[in-house]
N, C-alpha and C. Protein backbone atom coordinates (compact mmCIF):
# COMPACT_ATOMS: atom_id res chain seq x y z
N MET A 1 0.71 -1.20 0.05
CA MET A 1 -0.14 0.21 -0.02
C MET A 1 0.66 1.23 0.10
N SER A 2 0.60 2.30 -0.81
CA SER A 2 1.25 3.35 -0.89
C SER A 2 0.40 4.61 -1.23
N GLN A 3 0.67 5.75 -0.78
CA GLN A 3 0.05 6.86 -0.95
C GLN A 3 0.48 7.47 -2.05
N GLY A 4 -0.32 8.20 -3.00
CA GLY A 4 0.20 8.56 -4.18
C GLY A 4 0.22 10.24 -3.83
N ALA A 5 1.18 11.08 -4.84
CA ALA A 5 1.32 12.35 -4.60
C ALA A 5 0.27 13.14 -4.91
N CYS A 6 -0.58 12.56 -5.89
CA CYS A 6 -1.70 13.56 -6.34
C CYS A 6 -2.67 12.99 -6.13
N GLY A 7 -3.06 12.80 -4.53
CA GLY A 7 -4.48 12.31 -4.22
C GLY A 7 -4.68 10.97 -4.57
N SER A 8 -3.73 10.20 -4.54
CA SER A 8 -4.42 8.56 -5.10
C SER A 8 -3.53 7.67 -4.08
N ILE A 9 -4.16 6.47 -4.01
CA ILE A 9 -3.74 5.39 -3.02
C ILE A 9 -3.46 4.07 -3.93
N ARG A 10 -2.60 3.35 -3.67
CA ARG A 10 -2.34 1.82 -4.16
C ARG A 10 -2.51 1.12 -3.28
N LEU A 11 -3.52 0.01 -3.39
CA LEU A 11 -3.50 -1.18 -2.48
C LEU A 11 -3.21 -2.41 -3.30
N ASP A 12 -2.40 -3.26 -2.40
CA ASP A 12 -2.39 -4.88 -2.87
C ASP A 12 -3.75 -5.37 -2.54
N VAL A 13 -4.24 -6.09 -3.60
CA VAL A 13 -5.50 -6.70 -3.55
C VAL A 13 -5.43 -8.26 -4.09
N ARG A 14 -5.89 -9.26 -2.82
CA ARG A 14 -5.69 -10.59 -3.33
C ARG A 14 -7.25 -10.82 -3.66
N VAL A 15 -7.48 -11.52 -4.96
CA VAL A 15 -8.90 -11.58 -5.39
C VAL A 15 -8.93 -12.92 -5.69
N GLN A 16 -10.32 -13.50 -5.21
CA GLN A 16 -10.82 -14.97 -5.33
C GLN A 16 -12.16 -14.98 -6.05
N PRO A 17 -11.88 -15.20 -7.29
CA PRO A 17 -13.01 -15.18 -8.41
C PRO A 17 -13.70 -16.67 -7.97
N ARG A 18 -15.15 -16.43 -8.41
CA ARG A 18 -16.09 -17.77 -8.51
C ARG A 18 -16.37 -18.08 -6.75
N SER A 19 -16.40 -16.93 -6.17
CA SER A 19 -16.68 -17.00 -4.82
C SER A 19 -18.35 -17.18 -4.82
N SER A 20 -18.77 -17.84 -3.55
CA SER A 20 -20.16 -18.11 -3.20
C SER A 20 -20.78 -16.59 -3.09
N LYS A 21 -20.08 -15.47 -2.51
CA LYS A 21 -20.62 -14.21 -2.40
C LYS A 21 -19.49 -13.08 -2.56
N ASN A 22 -19.90 -11.92 -2.72
CA ASN A 22 -19.16 -10.69 -3.04
C ASN A 22 -18.76 -10.11 -1.58
N SER A 23 -17.33 -9.96 -1.28
CA SER A 23 -16.97 -9.20 0.21
C SER A 23 -15.58 -8.85 0.08
N LEU A 24 -15.40 -7.78 0.90
CA LEU A 24 -13.94 -6.99 0.93
C LEU A 24 -13.67 -7.15 2.61
N GLU A 25 -12.70 -7.80 2.73
CA GLU A 25 -11.97 -7.43 4.27
C GLU A 25 -10.44 -7.53 4.02
N TRP A 26 -9.92 -6.78 5.20
CA TRP A 26 -8.67 -6.69 5.24
C TRP A 26 -7.71 -7.92 6.05
N GLY A 27 -6.54 -8.15 5.44
CA GLY A 27 -5.98 -9.35 5.89
C GLY A 27 -4.44 -8.75 5.81
N ASP A 28 -3.59 -9.79 6.19
CA ASP A 28 -2.18 -9.28 6.63
C ASP A 28 -1.57 -8.62 5.77
N SER A 29 -2.06 -9.30 4.17
CA SER A 29 -1.07 -8.38 3.12
C SER A 29 -1.67 -7.40 2.33
N GLY A 30 -2.75 -6.89 2.78
CA GLY A 30 -3.65 -6.08 2.20
C GLY A 30 -4.97 -6.35 2.09
N LEU A 31 -5.71 -5.97 1.24
CA LEU A 31 -7.13 -5.98 1.09
C LEU A 31 -7.42 -7.54 0.17
N LYS A 32 -8.57 -8.32 0.88
CA LYS A 32 -8.94 -9.81 0.41
C LYS A 32 -10.26 -9.13 -0.30
N ALA A 33 -10.60 -9.62 -1.56
CA ALA A 33 -11.65 -9.56 -2.24
C ALA A 33 -12.33 -10.87 -2.59
N ARG A 34 -13.42 -11.06 -2.42
CA ARG A 34 -14.25 -11.90 -3.11
C ARG A 34 -15.31 -11.76 -3.95
N VAL A 35 -15.28 -12.42 -5.15
CA VAL A 35 -16.31 -11.83 -6.26
C VAL A 35 -16.72 -12.95 -7.09
N THR A 36 -18.19 -13.08 -7.19
CA THR A 36 -18.66 -14.27 -7.70
C THR A 36 -18.52 -14.25 -9.32
N ALA A 37 -17.98 -13.41 -10.00
CA ALA A 37 -17.81 -13.42 -11.35
C ALA A 37 -16.35 -14.45 -11.59
N PRO A 38 -16.53 -15.22 -12.57
CA PRO A 38 -15.38 -15.86 -13.04
C PRO A 38 -13.99 -15.16 -13.53
N PRO A 39 -13.03 -15.80 -13.55
CA PRO A 39 -11.75 -15.20 -14.18
C PRO A 39 -11.77 -14.96 -15.80
N VAL A 40 -12.77 -15.08 -16.17
CA VAL A 40 -12.74 -15.20 -17.93
C VAL A 40 -13.27 -13.51 -18.60
N ASP A 41 -12.60 -13.11 -19.36
CA ASP A 41 -12.79 -12.03 -20.19
C ASP A 41 -12.85 -10.71 -19.28
N SER A 42 -12.05 -10.69 -18.42
CA SER A 42 -12.05 -9.45 -17.51
C SER A 42 -13.33 -9.51 -16.65
N ALA A 43 -14.15 -10.70 -16.41
CA ALA A 43 -15.51 -10.25 -15.66
C ALA A 43 -15.02 -9.93 -14.09
N ALA A 44 -13.93 -10.84 -13.53
CA ALA A 44 -13.65 -10.75 -12.21
C ALA A 44 -12.89 -9.22 -11.97
N ASN A 45 -12.32 -8.57 -12.83
CA ASN A 45 -11.52 -7.43 -12.68
C ASN A 45 -12.81 -6.49 -12.63
N GLU A 46 -13.75 -6.54 -13.64
CA GLU A 46 -14.86 -5.70 -13.57
C GLU A 46 -15.64 -5.49 -12.26
N ALA A 47 -15.93 -6.85 -11.80
CA ALA A 47 -16.58 -6.99 -10.84
C ALA A 47 -16.17 -6.55 -9.40
N LEU A 48 -14.80 -6.42 -9.49
CA LEU A 48 -13.61 -6.10 -8.58
C LEU A 48 -13.96 -4.48 -8.38
N ILE A 49 -13.64 -3.87 -9.42
CA ILE A 49 -13.67 -2.39 -9.53
C ILE A 49 -15.44 -1.92 -9.10
N ALA A 50 -16.09 -2.83 -9.66
CA ALA A 50 -17.68 -2.35 -9.31
C ALA A 50 -17.82 -2.32 -7.57
N GLN A 51 -17.41 -3.53 -7.12
CA GLN A 51 -17.22 -3.83 -5.70
C GLN A 51 -16.68 -2.47 -4.88
N LEU A 52 -15.59 -2.21 -5.21
CA LEU A 52 -14.87 -1.30 -4.37
C LEU A 52 -15.36 0.15 -4.84
N ALA A 53 -15.96 0.41 -5.79
CA ALA A 53 -16.51 1.76 -6.13
C ALA A 53 -17.84 1.90 -5.33
N ALA A 54 -18.40 0.72 -5.12
CA ALA A 54 -19.78 0.93 -4.30
C ALA A 54 -19.40 0.79 -2.80
N ALA A 55 -18.34 -0.09 -2.31
CA ALA A 55 -18.09 0.49 -0.86
C ALA A 55 -17.58 1.69 -0.53
N LEU A 56 -16.93 2.23 -1.63
CA LEU A 56 -16.19 3.46 -1.23
C LEU A 56 -17.17 4.67 -1.64
N GLY A 57 -18.21 4.57 -2.27
CA GLY A 57 -18.89 5.58 -2.63
C GLY A 57 -18.34 6.28 -3.66
N ILE A 58 -17.48 6.07 -4.54
CA ILE A 58 -17.00 6.76 -5.54
C ILE A 58 -16.98 6.27 -6.99
N PRO A 59 -16.89 7.03 -7.93
CA PRO A 59 -17.42 6.53 -9.32
C PRO A 59 -16.18 5.36 -9.57
N LYS A 60 -16.57 4.48 -10.76
CA LYS A 60 -15.88 3.36 -11.14
C LYS A 60 -14.50 3.85 -11.92
N ARG A 61 -14.69 4.90 -12.60
CA ARG A 61 -13.73 5.49 -13.14
C ARG A 61 -12.45 5.94 -12.53
N ALA A 62 -12.71 6.13 -10.99
CA ALA A 62 -11.62 6.59 -9.96
C ALA A 62 -10.69 5.52 -9.81
N ILE A 63 -11.09 4.12 -9.97
CA ILE A 63 -10.53 2.89 -9.71
C ILE A 63 -9.71 2.20 -11.00
N THR A 64 -8.30 2.22 -10.92
CA THR A 64 -7.66 1.44 -11.90
C THR A 64 -6.87 0.18 -11.47
N ILE A 65 -6.91 -0.66 -12.22
CA ILE A 65 -5.85 -2.08 -11.91
C ILE A 65 -4.62 -1.59 -12.66
N VAL A 66 -3.41 -1.31 -12.00
CA VAL A 66 -2.43 -0.97 -12.41
C VAL A 66 -1.36 -2.14 -12.48
N ARG A 67 -1.61 -3.09 -11.86
CA ARG A 67 -0.65 -4.15 -12.29
C ARG A 67 -1.37 -5.68 -11.75
N GLY A 68 -1.16 -6.74 -12.42
CA GLY A 68 -1.81 -7.87 -12.26
C GLY A 68 -3.23 -8.40 -12.77
N ALA A 69 -3.64 -7.73 -13.92
CA ALA A 69 -4.90 -7.61 -14.41
C ALA A 69 -5.25 -9.36 -14.81
N SER A 70 -4.30 -10.00 -15.08
CA SER A 70 -4.60 -11.61 -15.17
C SER A 70 -3.93 -12.32 -14.19
N SER A 71 -3.78 -11.66 -13.12
CA SER A 71 -3.43 -12.38 -11.58
C SER A 71 -4.24 -12.35 -10.48
N ARG A 72 -4.33 -13.30 -9.53
CA ARG A 72 -5.14 -13.02 -8.41
C ARG A 72 -4.50 -11.94 -7.69
N GLN A 73 -3.45 -11.70 -7.37
CA GLN A 73 -2.72 -10.64 -6.62
C GLN A 73 -2.65 -9.26 -7.70
N LYS A 74 -3.37 -8.38 -7.20
CA LYS A 74 -3.59 -7.34 -8.24
C LYS A 74 -2.86 -5.94 -7.26
N VAL A 75 -2.42 -4.73 -8.03
CA VAL A 75 -2.18 -3.46 -7.28
C VAL A 75 -3.47 -2.67 -8.03
N VAL A 76 -4.34 -2.08 -6.99
CA VAL A 76 -5.32 -1.07 -7.55
C VAL A 76 -5.12 0.43 -7.32
N GLU A 77 -5.11 1.18 -7.98
CA GLU A 77 -5.08 2.43 -7.51
C GLU A 77 -6.51 3.33 -7.67
N ILE A 78 -6.49 3.73 -6.43
CA ILE A 78 -7.82 4.45 -6.53
C ILE A 78 -7.61 6.20 -6.00
N GLU A 79 -8.23 6.96 -7.07
CA GLU A 79 -8.20 8.33 -7.05
C GLU A 79 -9.07 9.09 -5.87
N GLY A 80 -8.53 10.06 -5.31
CA GLY A 80 -9.33 10.81 -4.56
C GLY A 80 -9.31 10.29 -3.18
N MET A 81 -8.58 9.44 -2.65
CA MET A 81 -9.18 8.68 -1.42
C MET A 81 -7.59 8.70 -0.76
N THR A 82 -7.77 8.64 0.94
CA THR A 82 -6.44 8.28 1.33
C THR A 82 -6.64 6.89 2.12
N LEU A 83 -5.54 6.25 2.56
CA LEU A 83 -5.61 5.06 3.29
C LEU A 83 -6.30 5.04 4.05
N GLU A 84 -6.48 6.13 4.88
CA GLU A 84 -7.21 5.97 6.24
C GLU A 84 -8.66 5.79 5.87
N ARG A 85 -8.83 6.62 4.80
CA ARG A 85 -10.60 6.93 4.53
C ARG A 85 -11.07 5.39 3.75
N VAL A 86 -10.14 4.79 3.21
CA VAL A 86 -10.43 3.29 2.47
C VAL A 86 -10.59 2.47 3.57
N GLN A 87 -9.87 2.75 4.26
CA GLN A 87 -10.04 1.67 5.59
C GLN A 87 -11.13 1.69 6.66
N GLN A 88 -11.54 3.02 6.77
CA GLN A 88 -12.69 3.44 7.44
C GLN A 88 -14.05 2.65 6.67
N LYS A 89 -14.08 2.88 5.33
CA LYS A 89 -14.93 2.54 4.36
C LYS A 89 -15.57 1.11 4.41
N ILE A 90 -14.37 0.53 4.28
CA ILE A 90 -14.32 -1.05 4.29
C ILE A 90 -14.49 -2.08 5.47
N ARG A 91 -13.90 -1.26 6.46
CA ARG A 91 -14.09 -2.02 7.85
C ARG A 91 -15.78 -2.05 7.95
């Protein structure tokens, strides 16, 4: 996790696709996300972005996967949020 200079934050996110339910929780190595979408045709990535946007109350365009688009371990950049604010919203 790191704080960007221009009002953005980068989070390490571990994604579990094809889960029985959608959920977000903090783990030892960052954020853990469970999504019901399969890891096919970016469906899990889109579900992750939608889930984060809904939980944080921000538009989907403010969230970008900057690394790991085809991996379970991703780095996600969120514009206009601080780490403290993200942690408050997701807890």
